[in-house]
Amino acid sequence: MNNKLFFHYLSYFQYPFLFGLLYFVYKLNSGEFNISTYLENMNNIFVLAGLAFSFSTLQDTEKVSIKIEKKIWENPKLGKLFLRVLIAFTLSILIFGIFGYFFAKNENVKEVSFGVIVLGVGLISLTKTGIEIFENHRKDKKIEK
């Protein structure tokens, strides 16, 4: 088995993390409200989302699976706009997480901030993959065979 195929199969590990994320979303919305449990569940959601994003970026960047996704990546203006929004969102999440982790006094907030940082690292991976997909699919740079 070649390396590209191995990582493509490894990318399917994103799904258990997504199911875990859905479990904690369900847990978040059921039962009585308790701030400590709420923040713990939020932290788990952020960590699992970051891990799911990281594993999802292991798939083949030469293929896209959805028609609208293909239209975005083939269009130079839309692709650049999407990447800029993704970069701004990623930086905002990271700054928010780092700020909360280092400057918050409450331990629960620090724990959630750690989860937000993991989410930000997953978004960095997603951004890198988006750049690769954009380079592989944009029509203005594509050489026709």
C-alpha atoms as a PDB file:
ATOM      1  CA  MET A   1       0.000   0.000   0.000  1.00  0.00           C
ATOM      2  CA  ASN A   2       1.389   3.412  -0.885  1.00  0.00           C
ATOM      3  CA  ASN A   3       1.701   6.269   1.605  1.00  0.00           C
ATOM      4  CA  LYS A   4      -1.010   8.427   0.036  1.00  0.00           C
ATOM      5  CA  LEU A   5      -3.561   5.622   0.335  1.00  0.00           C
ATOM      6  CA  PHE A   6      -2.440   4.855   3.903  1.00  0.00           C
ATOM      7  CA  PHE A   7      -3.071   8.458   4.987  1.00  0.00           C
ATOM      8  CA  HIS A   8      -6.349   8.530   3.108  1.00  0.00           C
ATOM      9  CA  TYR A   9      -7.533   5.531   5.138  1.00  0.00           C
ATOM     10  CA  LEU A  10      -6.118   7.087   8.308  1.00  0.00           C
ATOM     11  CA  SER A  11      -8.306  10.141   7.644  1.00  0.00           C
ATOM     12  CA  TYR A  12     -11.363   8.005   8.420  1.00  0.00           C
ATOM     13  CA  PHE A  13     -10.425   8.233  12.107  1.00  0.00           C
ATOM     14  CA  GLN A  14     -12.105  11.640  11.998  1.00  0.00           C
ATOM     15  CA  TYR A  15     -15.489   9.914  12.289  1.00  0.00           C
ATOM     16  CA  PRO A  16     -15.064   8.399  15.767  1.00  0.00           C
ATOM     17  CA  PHE A  17     -14.006  11.838  16.985  1.00  0.00           C
ATOM     18  CA  LEU A  18     -17.084  13.386  15.368  1.00  0.00           C
ATOM     19  CA  PHE A  19     -19.330  10.790  17.037  1.00  0.00           C
ATOM     20  CA  GLY A  20     -17.653  11.577  20.354  1.00  0.00           C
ATOM     21  CA  LEU A  21     -18.237  15.262  19.723  1.00  0.00           C
ATOM     22  CA  LEU A  22     -21.930  14.593  19.062  1.00  0.00           C
ATOM     23  CA  TYR A  23     -22.123  12.627  22.317  1.00  0.00           C
ATOM     24  CA  PHE A  24     -20.810  15.601  24.300  1.00  0.00           C
ATOM     25  CA  VAL A  25     -23.149  17.984  22.453  1.00  0.00           C
ATOM     26  CA  TYR A  26     -26.007  15.702  23.477  1.00  0.00           C
ATOM     27  CA  LYS A  27     -24.677  15.571  27.041  1.00  0.00           C
ATOM     28  CA  LEU A  28     -24.380  19.354  27.041  1.00  0.00           C
ATOM     29  CA  ASN A  29     -28.059  19.775  26.218  1.00  0.00           C
ATOM     30  CA  SER A  30     -29.463  17.121  28.535  1.00  0.00           C
ATOM     31  CA  GLY A  31     -29.926  17.224  32.276  1.00  0.00           C
ATOM     32  CA  GLU A  32     -29.673  20.081  34.719  1.00  0.00           C
ATOM     33  CA  PHE A  33     -27.365  22.993  34.095  1.00  0.00           C
ATOM     34  CA  ASN A  34     -24.138  22.959  36.096  1.00  0.00           C
ATOM     35  CA  ILE A  35     -21.406  25.413  35.028  1.00  0.00           C
ATOM     36  CA  SER A  36     -18.549  23.051  35.855  1.00  0.00           C
ATOM     37  CA  THR A  37     -20.057  20.163  33.868  1.00  0.00           C
ATOM     38  CA  TYR A  38     -21.006  22.551  31.058  1.00  0.00           C
ATOM     39  CA  LEU A  39     -17.420  23.835  30.728  1.00  0.00           C
ATOM     40  CA  GLU A  40     -16.039  20.301  30.906  1.00  0.00           C
ATOM     41  CA  ASN A  41     -18.335  19.213  28.077  1.00  0.00           C
ATOM     42  CA  MET A  42     -17.408  22.304  26.036  1.00  0.00           C
ATOM     43  CA  ASN A  43     -13.729  21.465  26.485  1.00  0.00           C
ATOM     44  CA  ASN A  44     -14.351  17.908  25.266  1.00  0.00           C
ATOM     45  CA  ILE A  45     -16.253  19.251  22.248  1.00  0.00           C
ATOM     46  CA  PHE A  46     -13.394  21.590  21.303  1.00  0.00           C
ATOM     47  CA  VAL A  47     -10.725  18.896  21.731  1.00  0.00           C
ATOM     48  CA  LEU A  48     -12.659  16.335  19.691  1.00  0.00           C
ATOM     49  CA  ALA A  49     -13.419  18.896  16.955  1.00  0.00           C
ATOM     50  CA  GLY A  50      -9.721  19.792  16.729  1.00  0.00           C
ATOM     51  CA  LEU A  51      -8.750  16.125  16.475  1.00  0.00           C
ATOM     52  CA  ALA A  52     -11.454  15.476  13.864  1.00  0.00           C
ATOM     53  CA  PHE A  53     -10.208  18.424  11.775  1.00  0.00           C
ATOM     54  CA  SER A  54      -6.635  17.171  12.059  1.00  0.00           C
ATOM     55  CA  PHE A  55      -7.531  13.679  10.867  1.00  0.00           C
ATOM     56  CA  SER A  56      -9.774  15.004   8.087  1.00  0.00           C
ATOM     57  CA  THR A  57      -6.796  16.826   6.585  1.00  0.00           C
ATOM     58  CA  LEU A  58      -5.020  13.537   5.864  1.00  0.00           C
ATOM     59  CA  GLN A  59      -7.251  12.829   2.867  1.00  0.00           C
ATOM     60  CA  ASP A  60      -6.153  13.268  -0.742  1.00  0.00           C
ATOM     61  CA  THR A  61      -6.051  16.968  -1.699  1.00  0.00           C
ATOM     62  CA  GLU A  62      -6.281  16.197  -5.413  1.00  0.00           C
ATOM     63  CA  LYS A  63      -9.936  15.200  -5.049  1.00  0.00           C
ATOM     64  CA  VAL A  64     -13.020  17.047  -3.840  1.00  0.00           C
ATOM     65  CA  SER A  65     -16.237  15.319  -2.868  1.00  0.00           C
ATOM     66  CA  ILE A  66     -18.933  17.995  -3.153  1.00  0.00           C
ATOM     67  CA  LYS A  67     -19.911  20.018  -6.255  1.00  0.00           C
ATOM     68  CA  ILE A  68     -20.102  23.336  -4.393  1.00  0.00           C
ATOM     69  CA  GLU A  69     -16.687  22.677  -2.876  1.00  0.00           C
ATOM     70  CA  LYS A  70     -15.289  22.144  -6.373  1.00  0.00           C
ATOM     71  CA  LYS A  71     -16.848  25.430  -7.575  1.00  0.00           C
ATOM     72  CA  ILE A  72     -15.268  27.320  -4.673  1.00  0.00           C
ATOM     73  CA  TRP A  73     -11.787  25.880  -5.180  1.00  0.00           C
ATOM     74  CA  GLU A  74     -11.816  26.272  -8.986  1.00  0.00           C
ATOM     75  CA  ASN A  75     -12.773  29.959  -8.789  1.00  0.00           C
ATOM     76  CA  PRO A  76      -9.664  32.048  -7.920  1.00  0.00           C
ATOM     77  CA  LYS A  77     -11.656  34.834  -6.224  1.00  0.00           C
ATOM     78  CA  LEU A  78     -13.882  32.531  -4.177  1.00  0.00           C
ATOM     79  CA  GLY A  79     -10.966  30.295  -3.218  1.00  0.00           C
ATOM     80  CA  LYS A  80      -8.886  33.240  -2.002  1.00  0.00           C
ATOM     81  CA  LEU A  81     -11.845  34.684  -0.112  1.00  0.00           C
ATOM     82  CA  PHE A  82     -12.587  31.343   1.541  1.00  0.00           C
ATOM     83  CA  LEU A  83      -8.931  30.935   2.562  1.00  0.00           C
ATOM     84  CA  ARG A  84      -8.801  34.461   4.000  1.00  0.00           C
ATOM     85  CA  VAL A  85     -11.931  33.841   6.060  1.00  0.00           C
ATOM     86  CA  LEU A  86     -10.527  30.507   7.231  1.00  0.00           C
ATOM     87  CA  ILE A  87      -7.196  32.106   8.196  1.00  0.00           C
ATOM     88  CA  ALA A  88      -8.929  34.941  10.076  1.00  0.00           C
ATOM     89  CA  PHE A  89     -11.184  32.464  11.894  1.00  0.00           C
ATOM     90  CA  THR A  90      -8.223  30.231  12.789  1.00  0.00           C
ATOM     91  CA  LEU A  91      -6.163  33.133  14.134  1.00  0.00           C
ATOM     92  CA  SER A  92      -9.136  34.416  16.141  1.00  0.00           C
ATOM     93  CA  ILE A  93      -9.699  31.001  17.716  1.00  0.00           C
ATOM     94  CA  LEU A  94      -5.997  30.609  18.542  1.00  0.00           C
ATOM     95  CA  ILE A  95      -5.668  34.094  20.020  1.00  0.00           C
ATOM     96  CA  PHE A  96      -8.820  33.575  22.083  1.00  0.00           C
ATOM     97  CA  GLY A  97      -7.557  30.211  23.364  1.00  0.00           C
ATOM     98  CA  ILE A  98      -4.047  31.398  24.164  1.00  0.00           C
ATOM     99  CA  PHE A  99      -5.334  34.528  25.866  1.00  0.00           C
ATOM    100  CA  GLY A 100      -7.748  32.498  27.995  1.00  0.00           C
ATOM    101  CA  TYR A 101      -5.158  29.880  28.854  1.00  0.00           C
ATOM    102  CA  PHE A 102      -2.490  32.312  30.036  1.00  0.00           C
ATOM    103  CA  PHE A 103      -4.582  35.115  31.529  1.00  0.00           C
ATOM    104  CA  ALA A 104      -7.663  33.449  33.034  1.00  0.00           C
ATOM    105  CA  LYS A 105      -7.724  32.982  36.791  1.00  0.00           C
ATOM    106  CA  ASN A 106     -10.430  30.297  36.799  1.00  0.00           C
ATOM    107  CA  GLU A 107      -9.195  26.712  36.262  1.00  0.00           C
ATOM    108  CA  ASN A 108     -12.344  25.740  34.349  1.00  0.00           C
ATOM    109  CA  VAL A 109     -11.799  28.596  31.897  1.00  0.00           C
ATOM    110  CA  LYS A 110      -8.151  27.535  31.498  1.00  0.00           C
ATOM    111  CA  GLU A 111      -9.283  24.009  30.696  1.00  0.00           C
ATOM    112  CA  VAL A 112     -11.758  25.211  28.068  1.00  0.00           C
ATOM    113  CA  SER A 113      -9.055  27.486  26.651  1.00  0.00           C
ATOM    114  CA  PHE A 114      -6.834  24.449  26.208  1.00  0.00           C
ATOM    115  CA  GLY A 115      -9.641  22.810  24.210  1.00  0.00           C
ATOM    116  CA  VAL A 116      -9.955  25.954  22.097  1.00  0.00           C
ATOM    117  CA  ILE A 117      -6.205  25.835  21.397  1.00  0.00           C
ATOM    118  CA  VAL A 118      -6.537  22.197  20.225  1.00  0.00           C
ATOM    119  CA  LEU A 119      -9.392  23.319  17.968  1.00  0.00           C
ATOM    120  CA  GLY A 120      -7.132  26.097  16.610  1.00  0.00           C
ATOM    121  CA  VAL A 121      -4.349  23.621  15.837  1.00  0.00           C
ATOM    122  CA  GLY A 122      -6.877  21.467  13.971  1.00  0.00           C
ATOM    123  CA  LEU A 123      -7.956  24.549  12.037  1.00  0.00           C
ATOM    124  CA  ILE A 124      -4.316  25.254  11.128  1.00  0.00           C
ATOM    125  CA  SER A 125      -4.199  21.784   9.558  1.00  0.00           C
ATOM    126  CA  LEU A 126      -7.464  22.469   7.778  1.00  0.00           C
ATOM    127  CA  THR A 127      -6.117  25.780   6.461  1.00  0.00           C
ATOM    128  CA  LYS A 128      -2.982  24.100   5.111  1.00  0.00           C
ATOM    129  CA  THR A 129      -5.113  21.477   3.393  1.00  0.00           C
ATOM    130  CA  GLY A 130      -7.347  24.206   1.965  1.00  0.00           C
ATOM    131  CA  ILE A 131      -4.303  25.901   0.469  1.00  0.00           C
ATOM    132  CA  GLU A 132      -3.204  22.624  -1.137  1.00  0.00           C
ATOM    133  CA  ILE A 133      -6.688  21.935  -2.508  1.00  0.00           C
ATOM    134  CA  PHE A 134      -6.854  25.471  -3.904  1.00  0.00           C
ATOM    135  CA  GLU A 135      -3.495  25.042  -5.627  1.00  0.00           C
ATOM    136  CA  ASN A 136      -4.583  21.696  -7.084  1.00  0.00           C
ATOM    137  CA  HIS A 137      -7.997  22.816  -8.381  1.00  0.00           C
ATOM    138  CA  ARG A 138      -7.922  26.496  -9.330  1.00  0.00           C
ATOM    139  CA  LYS A 139      -8.698  26.968 -13.012  1.00  0.00           C
ATOM    140  CA  ASP A 140      -6.470  29.981 -13.653  1.00  0.00           C
ATOM    141  CA  LYS A 141      -3.286  28.014 -12.782  1.00  0.00           C
ATOM    142  CA  LYS A 142      -4.360  24.592 -14.079  1.00  0.00           C
ATOM    143  CA  ILE A 143      -2.470  23.255 -17.079  1.00  0.00           C
ATOM    144  CA  GLU A 144      -4.821  21.505 -19.498  1.00  0.00           C
ATOM    145  CA  LYS A 145      -3.567  18.156 -20.806  1.00  0.00           C
END
